Amino acid sequence: MKGFEKSPLERPLISATVFPMSQVAELLKEASKLDPLDRAELVSSLLEDLDPRPHWVPDEEVFRRLEDLKSGRVKGLSEEEFREACGRS
């Protein structure tokens, strides 16, 4: 099919100057003003809308993981390490 030789990620993007700021861009701009806890709640809510399976973890699992961190059995990541691991450094 003509026009589908490249994946969507390889196709050139349309310049943002041609169209006004998108609704998503406006939402992102406003969301960036939220405090970290509200931003985390927003992200969690949006993810649940995309995936109907709940992102719920039983309390026992939370306490076990917390104890693993406190005891040193596992090592947490710094924010910088986390961002790097996600490819956002």
PDB file of N, CA and C in Angstrom:
ATOM      1  N   MET A   1       0.820  -1.179   0.000  1.00  0.00           N
ATOM      2  CA  MET A   1       0.000   0.000   0.000  1.00  0.00           C
ATOM      3  C   MET A   1       0.864   1.242   0.000  1.00  0.00           C
ATOM      4  N   LYS A   2       0.525   2.171  -0.814  1.00  0.00           N
ATOM      5  CA  LYS A   2       1.303   3.394  -0.897  1.00  0.00           C
ATOM      6  C   LYS A   2       1.098   4.222   0.381  1.00  0.00           C
ATOM      7  N   GLY A   3       2.205   4.770   0.905  1.00  0.00           N
ATOM      8  CA  GLY A   3       2.127   5.590   2.105  1.00  0.00           C
ATOM      9  C   GLY A   3       2.328   4.806   3.384  1.00  0.00           C
ATOM     10  N   PHE A   4       2.330   3.467   3.288  1.00  0.00           N
ATOM     11  CA  PHE A   4       2.497   2.650   4.481  1.00  0.00           C
ATOM     12  C   PHE A   4       3.807   1.888   4.468  1.00  0.00           C
ATOM     13  N   GLU A   5       4.754   2.352   3.666  1.00  0.00           N
ATOM     14  CA  GLU A   5       6.041   1.682   3.597  1.00  0.00           C
ATOM     15  C   GLU A   5       6.801   1.840   4.902  1.00  0.00           C
ATOM     16  N   LYS A   6       6.621   2.969   5.578  1.00  0.00           N
ATOM     17  CA  LYS A   6       7.319   3.249   6.828  1.00  0.00           C
ATOM     18  C   LYS A   6       6.344   3.158   7.983  1.00  0.00           C
ATOM     19  N   SER A   7       6.876   2.821   9.151  1.00  0.00           N
ATOM     20  CA  SER A   7       6.023   2.802  10.333  1.00  0.00           C
ATOM     21  C   SER A   7       5.650   4.234  10.686  1.00  0.00           C
ATOM     22  N   PRO A   8       4.604   4.442  11.486  1.00  0.00           N
ATOM     23  CA  PRO A   8       4.212   5.799  11.869  1.00  0.00           C
ATOM     24  C   PRO A   8       5.334   6.564  12.572  1.00  0.00           C
ATOM     25  N   LEU A   9       6.203   5.856  13.267  1.00  0.00           N
ATOM     26  CA  LEU A   9       7.299   6.514  13.975  1.00  0.00           C
ATOM     27  C   LEU A   9       8.374   7.015  13.026  1.00  0.00           C
ATOM     28  N   GLU A  10       8.438   6.448  11.819  1.00  0.00           N
ATOM     29  CA  GLU A  10       9.454   6.845  10.857  1.00  0.00           C
ATOM     30  C   GLU A  10       8.973   7.958   9.923  1.00  0.00           C
ATOM     31  N   ARG A  11       7.651   8.190   9.898  1.00  0.00           N
ATOM     32  CA  ARG A  11       7.105   9.226   9.028  1.00  0.00           C
ATOM     33  C   ARG A  11       7.368  10.607   9.621  1.00  0.00           C
ATOM     34  N   PRO A  12       7.574  11.599   8.791  1.00  0.00           N
ATOM     35  CA  PRO A  12       7.805  12.944   9.326  1.00  0.00           C
ATOM     36  C   PRO A  12       6.560  13.472  10.020  1.00  0.00           C
ATOM     37  N   LEU A  13       6.770  14.246  11.083  1.00  0.00           N
ATOM     38  CA  LEU A  13       5.661  14.846  11.811  1.00  0.00           C
ATOM     39  C   LEU A  13       5.236  16.140  11.147  1.00  0.00           C
ATOM     40  N   ILE A  14       3.973  16.475  11.260  1.00  0.00           N
ATOM     41  CA  ILE A  14       3.473  17.746  10.746  1.00  0.00           C
ATOM     42  C   ILE A  14       3.903  18.827  11.713  1.00  0.00           C
ATOM     43  N   SER A  15       4.369  19.913  11.214  1.00  0.00           N
ATOM     44  CA  SER A  15       4.845  21.008  12.044  1.00  0.00           C
ATOM     45  C   SER A  15       3.741  21.505  12.964  1.00  0.00           C
ATOM     46  N   ALA A  16       4.081  21.720  14.237  1.00  0.00           N
ATOM     47  CA  ALA A  16       3.114  22.200  15.216  1.00  0.00           C
ATOM     48  C   ALA A  16       2.693  23.637  14.933  1.00  0.00           C
ATOM     49  N   THR A  17       3.453  24.346  14.119  1.00  0.00           N
ATOM     50  CA  THR A  17       3.095  25.734  13.828  1.00  0.00           C
ATOM     51  C   THR A  17       1.911  25.836  12.874  1.00  0.00           C
ATOM     52  N   VAL A  18       1.573  24.740  12.210  1.00  0.00           N
ATOM     53  CA  VAL A  18       0.464  24.756  11.270  1.00  0.00           C
ATOM     54  C   VAL A  18      -0.873  24.709  12.013  1.00  0.00           C
ATOM     55  N   PHE A  19      -0.932  23.995  13.123  1.00  0.00           N
ATOM     56  CA  PHE A  19      -2.157  23.804  13.870  1.00  0.00           C
ATOM     57  C   PHE A  19      -2.024  24.408  15.263  1.00  0.00           C
ATOM     58  N   PRO A  20      -3.137  24.855  15.862  1.00  0.00           N
ATOM     59  CA  PRO A  20      -3.068  25.369  17.234  1.00  0.00           C
ATOM     60  C   PRO A  20      -2.704  24.242  18.196  1.00  0.00           C
ATOM     61  N   MET A  21      -2.297  24.621  19.416  1.00  0.00           N
ATOM     62  CA  MET A  21      -1.900  23.641  20.422  1.00  0.00           C
ATOM     63  C   MET A  21      -3.020  22.607  20.596  1.00  0.00           C
ATOM     64  N   SER A  22      -2.657  21.351  20.591  1.00  0.00           N
ATOM     65  CA  SER A  22      -3.655  20.293  20.707  1.00  0.00           C
ATOM     66  C   SER A  22      -4.210  20.232  22.120  1.00  0.00           C
ATOM     67  N   GLN A  23      -5.332  19.598  22.232  1.00  0.00           N
ATOM     68  CA  GLN A  23      -5.965  19.442  23.537  1.00  0.00           C
ATOM     69  C   GLN A  23      -5.053  18.651  24.483  1.00  0.00           C
ATOM     70  N   VAL A  24      -4.372  17.638  23.969  1.00  0.00           N
ATOM     71  CA  VAL A  24      -3.458  16.847  24.789  1.00  0.00           C
ATOM     72  C   VAL A  24      -2.314  17.713  25.300  1.00  0.00           C
ATOM     73  N   ALA A  25      -1.760  18.539  24.431  1.00  0.00           N
ATOM     74  CA  ALA A  25      -0.669  19.419  24.851  1.00  0.00           C
ATOM     75  C   ALA A  25      -1.133  20.379  25.936  1.00  0.00           C
ATOM     76  N   GLU A  26      -2.352  20.876  25.805  1.00  0.00           N
ATOM     77  CA  GLU A  26      -2.894  21.774  26.828  1.00  0.00           C
ATOM     78  C   GLU A  26      -3.068  21.038  28.155  1.00  0.00           C
ATOM     79  N   LEU A  27      -3.573  19.810  28.090  1.00  0.00           N
ATOM     80  CA  LEU A  27      -3.746  19.011  29.305  1.00  0.00           C
ATOM     81  C   LEU A  27      -2.398  18.719  29.964  1.00  0.00           C
ATOM     82  N   LEU A  28      -1.402  18.377  29.147  1.00  0.00           N
ATOM     83  CA  LEU A  28      -0.066  18.105  29.690  1.00  0.00           C
ATOM     84  C   LEU A  28       0.520  19.336  30.371  1.00  0.00           C
ATOM     85  N   LYS A  29       0.306  20.484  29.765  1.00  0.00           N
ATOM     86  CA  LYS A  29       0.800  21.737  30.335  1.00  0.00           C
ATOM     87  C   LYS A  29       0.162  21.977  31.702  1.00  0.00           C
ATOM     88  N   GLU A  30      -1.137  21.768  31.799  1.00  0.00           N
ATOM     89  CA  GLU A  30      -1.839  21.965  33.071  1.00  0.00           C
ATOM     90  C   GLU A  30      -1.443  20.895  34.087  1.00  0.00           C
ATOM     91  N   ALA A  31      -1.327  19.649  33.641  1.00  0.00           N
ATOM     92  CA  ALA A  31      -0.964  18.558  34.551  1.00  0.00           C
ATOM     93  C   ALA A  31       0.424  18.766  35.134  1.00  0.00           C
ATOM     94  N   SER A  32       1.314  19.385  34.387  1.00  0.00           N
ATOM     95  CA  SER A  32       2.678  19.607  34.887  1.00  0.00           C
ATOM     96  C   SER A  32       2.694  20.579  36.064  1.00  0.00           C
ATOM     97  N   LYS A  33       1.616  21.314  36.272  1.00  0.00           N
ATOM     98  CA  LYS A  33       1.527  22.253  37.386  1.00  0.00           C
ATOM     99  C   LYS A  33       1.065  21.582  38.682  1.00  0.00           C
ATOM    100  N   LEU A  34       0.579  20.338  38.588  1.00  0.00           N
ATOM    101  CA  LEU A  34       0.101  19.620  39.771  1.00  0.00           C
ATOM    102  C   LEU A  34       1.264  19.191  40.654  1.00  0.00           C
ATOM    103  N   ASP A  35       0.961  19.015  41.944  1.00  0.00           N
ATOM    104  CA  ASP A  35       2.006  18.494  42.827  1.00  0.00           C
ATOM    105  C   ASP A  35       2.203  17.010  42.508  1.00  0.00           C
ATOM    106  N   PRO A  36       3.336  16.433  42.922  1.00  0.00           N
ATOM    107  CA  PRO A  36       3.663  15.046  42.537  1.00  0.00           C
ATOM    108  C   PRO A  36       2.591  14.016  42.894  1.00  0.00           C
ATOM    109  N   LEU A  37       1.953  14.137  44.050  1.00  0.00           N
ATOM    110  CA  LEU A  37       0.931  13.149  44.423  1.00  0.00           C
ATOM    111  C   LEU A  37      -0.289  13.234  43.512  1.00  0.00           C
ATOM    112  N   ASP A  38      -0.708  14.450  43.190  1.00  0.00           N
ATOM    113  CA  ASP A  38      -1.844  14.605  42.277  1.00  0.00           C
ATOM    114  C   ASP A  38      -1.496  14.125  40.873  1.00  0.00           C
ATOM    115  N   ARG A  39      -0.264  14.354  40.438  1.00  0.00           N
ATOM    116  CA  ARG A  39       0.168  13.873  39.119  1.00  0.00           C
ATOM    117  C   ARG A  39       0.168  12.349  39.086  1.00  0.00           C
ATOM    118  N   ALA A  40       0.637  11.721  40.173  1.00  0.00           N
ATOM    119  CA  ALA A  40       0.643  10.252  40.247  1.00  0.00           C
ATOM    120  C   ALA A  40      -0.782   9.715  40.212  1.00  0.00           C
ATOM    121  N   GLU A  41      -1.694  10.380  40.910  1.00  0.00           N
ATOM    122  CA  GLU A  41      -3.101   9.957  40.892  1.00  0.00           C
ATOM    123  C   GLU A  41      -3.688  10.090  39.491  1.00  0.00           C
ATOM    124  N   LEU A  42      -3.359  11.176  38.807  1.00  0.00           N
ATOM    125  CA  LEU A  42      -3.828  11.384  37.441  1.00  0.00           C
ATOM    126  C   LEU A  42      -3.315  10.281  36.512  1.00  0.00           C
ATOM    127  N   VAL A  43      -2.032   9.983  36.610  1.00  0.00           N
ATOM    128  CA  VAL A  43      -1.431   8.939  35.774  1.00  0.00           C
ATOM    129  C   VAL A  43      -2.091   7.597  36.047  1.00  0.00           C
ATOM    130  N   SER A  44      -2.269   7.276  37.323  1.00  0.00           N
ATOM    131  CA  SER A  44      -2.891   6.008  37.688  1.00  0.00           C
ATOM    132  C   SER A  44      -4.297   5.909  37.105  1.00  0.00           C
ATOM    133  N   SER A  45      -5.046   6.983  37.207  1.00  0.00           N
ATOM    134  CA  SER A  45      -6.410   7.006  36.672  1.00  0.00           C
ATOM    135  C   SER A  45      -6.414   6.824  35.160  1.00  0.00           C
ATOM    136  N   LEU A  46      -5.509   7.509  34.475  1.00  0.00           N
ATOM    137  CA  LEU A  46      -5.442   7.379  33.018  1.00  0.00           C
ATOM    138  C   LEU A  46      -5.047   5.967  32.602  1.00  0.00           C
ATOM    139  N   LEU A  47      -4.108   5.368  33.318  1.00  0.00           N
ATOM    140  CA  LEU A  47      -3.703   4.001  33.003  1.00  0.00           C
ATOM    141  C   LEU A  47      -4.850   3.020  33.195  1.00  0.00           C
ATOM    142  N   GLU A  48      -5.619   3.216  34.251  1.00  0.00           N
ATOM    143  CA  GLU A  48      -6.753   2.325  34.482  1.00  0.00           C
ATOM    144  C   GLU A  48      -7.792   2.464  33.384  1.00  0.00           C
ATOM    145  N   ASP A  49      -7.936   3.662  32.824  1.00  0.00           N
ATOM    146  CA  ASP A  49      -8.863   3.842  31.707  1.00  0.00           C
ATOM    147  C   ASP A  49      -8.395   3.083  30.468  1.00  0.00           C
ATOM    148  N   LEU A  50      -7.076   2.973  30.286  1.00  0.00           N
ATOM    149  CA  LEU A  50      -6.534   2.248  29.133  1.00  0.00           C
ATOM    150  C   LEU A  50      -6.595   0.743  29.327  1.00  0.00           C
ATOM    151  N   ASP A  51      -6.387   0.303  30.552  1.00  0.00           N
ATOM    152  CA  ASP A  51      -6.336  -1.124  30.868  1.00  0.00           C
ATOM    153  C   ASP A  51      -7.376  -1.397  31.953  1.00  0.00           C
ATOM    154  N   PRO A  52      -8.465  -2.066  31.603  1.00  0.00           N
ATOM    155  CA  PRO A  52      -9.520  -2.267  32.591  1.00  0.00           C
ATOM    156  C   PRO A  52      -9.114  -3.148  33.778  1.00  0.00           C
ATOM    157  N   ARG A  53      -8.000  -3.864  33.663  1.00  0.00           N
ATOM    158  CA  ARG A  53      -7.559  -4.666  34.804  1.00  0.00           C
ATOM    159  C   ARG A  53      -7.064  -3.714  35.887  1.00  0.00           C
ATOM    160  N   PRO A  54      -7.457  -3.928  37.118  1.00  0.00           N
ATOM    161  CA  PRO A  54      -7.037  -3.007  38.178  1.00  0.00           C
ATOM    162  C   PRO A  54      -5.539  -3.097  38.447  1.00  0.00           C
ATOM    163  N   HIS A  55      -4.949  -1.966  38.805  1.00  0.00           N
ATOM    164  CA  HIS A  55      -3.538  -1.923  39.174  1.00  0.00           C
ATOM    165  C   HIS A  55      -3.440  -1.945  40.689  1.00  0.00           C
ATOM    166  N   TRP A  56      -4.131  -2.868  41.278  1.00  0.00           N
ATOM    167  CA  TRP A  56      -4.235  -2.979  42.715  1.00  0.00           C
ATOM    168  C   TRP A  56      -3.240  -4.008  43.214  1.00  0.00           C
ATOM    169  N   VAL A  57      -2.610  -3.711  44.329  1.00  0.00           N
ATOM    170  CA  VAL A  57      -1.670  -4.629  44.957  1.00  0.00           C
ATOM    171  C   VAL A  57      -2.162  -4.851  46.387  1.00  0.00           C
ATOM    172  N   PRO A  58      -2.239  -6.102  46.834  1.00  0.00           N
ATOM    173  CA  PRO A  58      -2.707  -6.353  48.205  1.00  0.00           C
ATOM    174  C   PRO A  58      -1.774  -5.709  49.238  1.00  0.00           C
ATOM    175  N   ASP A  59      -2.335  -5.298  50.363  1.00  0.00           N
ATOM    176  CA  ASP A  59      -1.549  -4.680  51.429  1.00  0.00           C
ATOM    177  C   ASP A  59      -0.365  -5.552  51.840  1.00  0.00           C
ATOM    178  N   GLU A  60      -0.578  -6.856  51.887  1.00  0.00           N
ATOM    179  CA  GLU A  60       0.496  -7.769  52.301  1.00  0.00           C
ATOM    180  C   GLU A  60       1.706  -7.631  51.386  1.00  0.00           C
ATOM    181  N   GLU A  61       1.452  -7.503  50.092  1.00  0.00           N
ATOM    182  CA  GLU A  61       2.535  -7.343  49.113  1.00  0.00           C
ATOM    183  C   GLU A  61       3.250  -6.009  49.318  1.00  0.00           C
ATOM    184  N   VAL A  62       2.492  -4.960  49.578  1.00  0.00           N
ATOM    185  CA  VAL A  62       3.077  -3.640  49.812  1.00  0.00           C
ATOM    186  C   VAL A  62       3.989  -3.690  51.040  1.00  0.00           C
ATOM    187  N   PHE A  63       3.494  -4.261  52.139  1.00  0.00           N
ATOM    188  CA  PHE A  63       4.290  -4.322  53.367  1.00  0.00           C
ATOM    189  C   PHE A  63       5.524  -5.214  53.204  1.00  0.00           C
ATOM    190  N   ARG A  64       5.382  -6.305  52.444  1.00  0.00           N
ATOM    191  CA  ARG A  64       6.538  -7.184  52.202  1.00  0.00           C
ATOM    192  C   ARG A  64       7.613  -6.434  51.429  1.00  0.00           C
ATOM    193  N   ARG A  65       7.204  -5.720  50.382  1.00  0.00           N
ATOM    194  CA  ARG A  65       8.174  -4.972  49.576  1.00  0.00           C
ATOM    195  C   ARG A  65       8.820  -3.849  50.385  1.00  0.00           C
ATOM    196  N   LEU A  66       8.033  -3.184  51.210  1.00  0.00           N
ATOM    197  CA  LEU A  66       8.582  -2.134  52.065  1.00  0.00           C
ATOM    198  C   LEU A  66       9.613  -2.712  53.027  1.00  0.00           C
ATOM    199  N   GLU A  67       9.303  -3.857  53.616  1.00  0.00           N
ATOM    200  CA  GLU A  67      10.248  -4.500  54.532  1.00  0.00           C
ATOM    201  C   GLU A  67      11.504  -4.939  53.787  1.00  0.00           C
ATOM    202  N   ASP A  68      11.359  -5.418  52.562  1.00  0.00           N
ATOM    203  CA  ASP A  68      12.521  -5.791  51.749  1.00  0.00           C
ATOM    204  C   ASP A  68      13.439  -4.580  51.538  1.00  0.00           C
ATOM    205  N   LEU A  69      12.832  -3.419  51.285  1.00  0.00           N
ATOM    206  CA  LEU A  69      13.625  -2.189  51.124  1.00  0.00           C
ATOM    207  C   LEU A  69      14.315  -1.792  52.424  1.00  0.00           C
ATOM    208  N   LYS A  70      13.541  -1.788  53.519  1.00  0.00           N
ATOM    209  CA  LYS A  70      14.086  -1.367  54.812  1.00  0.00           C
ATOM    210  C   LYS A  70      15.211  -2.279  55.280  1.00  0.00           C
ATOM    211  N   SER A  71      15.066  -3.579  55.030  1.00  0.00           N
ATOM    212  CA  SER A  71      16.059  -4.538  55.502  1.00  0.00           C
ATOM    213  C   SER A  71      17.310  -4.570  54.628  1.00  0.00           C
ATOM    214  N   GLY A  72      17.204  -4.024  53.427  1.00  0.00           N
ATOM    215  CA  GLY A  72      18.346  -4.045  52.524  1.00  0.00           C
ATOM    216  C   GLY A  72      18.377  -5.257  51.607  1.00  0.00           C
ATOM    217  N   ARG A  73      17.357  -6.126  51.699  1.00  0.00           N
ATOM    218  CA  ARG A  73      17.299  -7.300  50.810  1.00  0.00           C
ATOM    219  C   ARG A  73      17.201  -6.870  49.349  1.00  0.00           C
ATOM    220  N   VAL A  74      16.551  -5.741  49.121  1.00  0.00           N
ATOM    221  CA  VAL A  74      16.489  -5.168  47.778  1.00  0.00           C
ATOM    222  C   VAL A  74      16.915  -3.716  47.868  1.00  0.00           C
ATOM    223  N   LYS A  75      17.391  -3.191  46.764  1.00  0.00           N
ATOM    224  CA  LYS A  75      17.837  -1.802  46.719  1.00  0.00           C
ATOM    225  C   LYS A  75      16.879  -1.018  45.836  1.00  0.00           C
ATOM    226  N   GLY A  76      16.424   0.108  46.332  1.00  0.00           N
ATOM    227  CA  GLY A  76      15.565   0.972  45.544  1.00  0.00           C
ATOM    228  C   GLY A  76      16.394   1.763  44.547  1.00  0.00           C
ATOM    229  N   LEU A  77      15.715   2.431  43.648  1.00  0.00           N
ATOM    230  CA  LEU A  77      16.378   3.270  42.656  1.00  0.00           C
ATOM    231  C   LEU A  77      16.213   4.735  43.039  1.00  0.00           C
ATOM    232  N   SER A  78      17.243   5.503  42.785  1.00  0.00           N
ATOM    233  CA  SER A  78      17.095   6.952  42.918  1.00  0.00           C
ATOM    234  C   SER A  78      16.231   7.430  41.756  1.00  0.00           C
ATOM    235  N   GLU A  79      15.759   8.665  41.841  1.00  0.00           N
ATOM    236  CA  GLU A  79      14.956   9.202  40.744  1.00  0.00           C
ATOM    237  C   GLU A  79      15.766   9.208  39.452  1.00  0.00           C
ATOM    238  N   GLU A  80      17.033   9.558  39.567  1.00  0.00           N
ATOM    239  CA  GLU A  80      17.897   9.583  38.373  1.00  0.00           C
ATOM    240  C   GLU A  80      18.054   8.183  37.784  1.00  0.00           C
ATOM    241  N   GLU A  81      18.276   7.171  38.636  1.00  0.00           N
ATOM    242  CA  GLU A  81      18.402   5.788  38.158  1.00  0.00           C
ATOM    243  C   GLU A  81      17.115   5.325  37.498  1.00  0.00           C
ATOM    244  N   PHE A  82      15.973   5.695  38.103  1.00  0.00           N
ATOM    245  CA  PHE A  82      14.674   5.310  37.556  1.00  0.00           C
ATOM    246  C   PHE A  82      14.483   5.920  36.168  1.00  0.00           C
ATOM    247  N   ARG A  83      14.767   7.208  36.049  1.00  0.00           N
ATOM    248  CA  ARG A  83      14.608   7.886  34.756  1.00  0.00           C
ATOM    249  C   ARG A  83      15.531   7.256  33.705  1.00  0.00           C
ATOM    250  N   GLU A  84      16.745   6.944  34.102  1.00  0.00           N
ATOM    251  CA  GLU A  84      17.681   6.311  33.164  1.00  0.00           C
ATOM    252  C   GLU A  84      17.171   4.938  32.726  1.00  0.00           C
ATOM    253  N   ALA A  85      16.639   4.165  33.693  1.00  0.00           N
ATOM    254  CA  ALA A  85      16.128   2.841  33.371  1.00  0.00           C
ATOM    255  C   ALA A  85      14.928   2.912  32.428  1.00  0.00           C
ATOM    256  N   CYS A  86      14.192   4.023  32.483  1.00  0.00           N
ATOM    257  CA  CYS A  86      13.032   4.224  31.604  1.00  0.00           C
ATOM    258  C   CYS A  86      13.411   4.916  30.301  1.00  0.00           C
ATOM    259  N   GLY A  87      14.705   5.195  30.139  1.00  0.00           N
ATOM    260  CA  GLY A  87      15.152   5.860  28.921  1.00  0.00           C
ATOM    261  C   GLY A  87      14.841   7.345  28.916  1.00  0.00           C
ATOM    262  N   ARG A  88      14.740   7.951  30.094  1.00  0.00           N
ATOM    263  CA  ARG A  88      14.399   9.369  30.184  1.00  0.00           C
ATOM    264  C   ARG A  88      15.499  10.192  30.829  1.00  0.00           C
ATOM    265  N   SER A  89      16.734   9.765  30.681  1.00  0.00           N
ATOM    266  CA  SER A  89      17.827  10.510  31.319  1.00  0.00           C
ATOM    267  C   SER A  89      18.184  11.746  30.549  1.00  0.00           C
TER     268      SER A  89
END
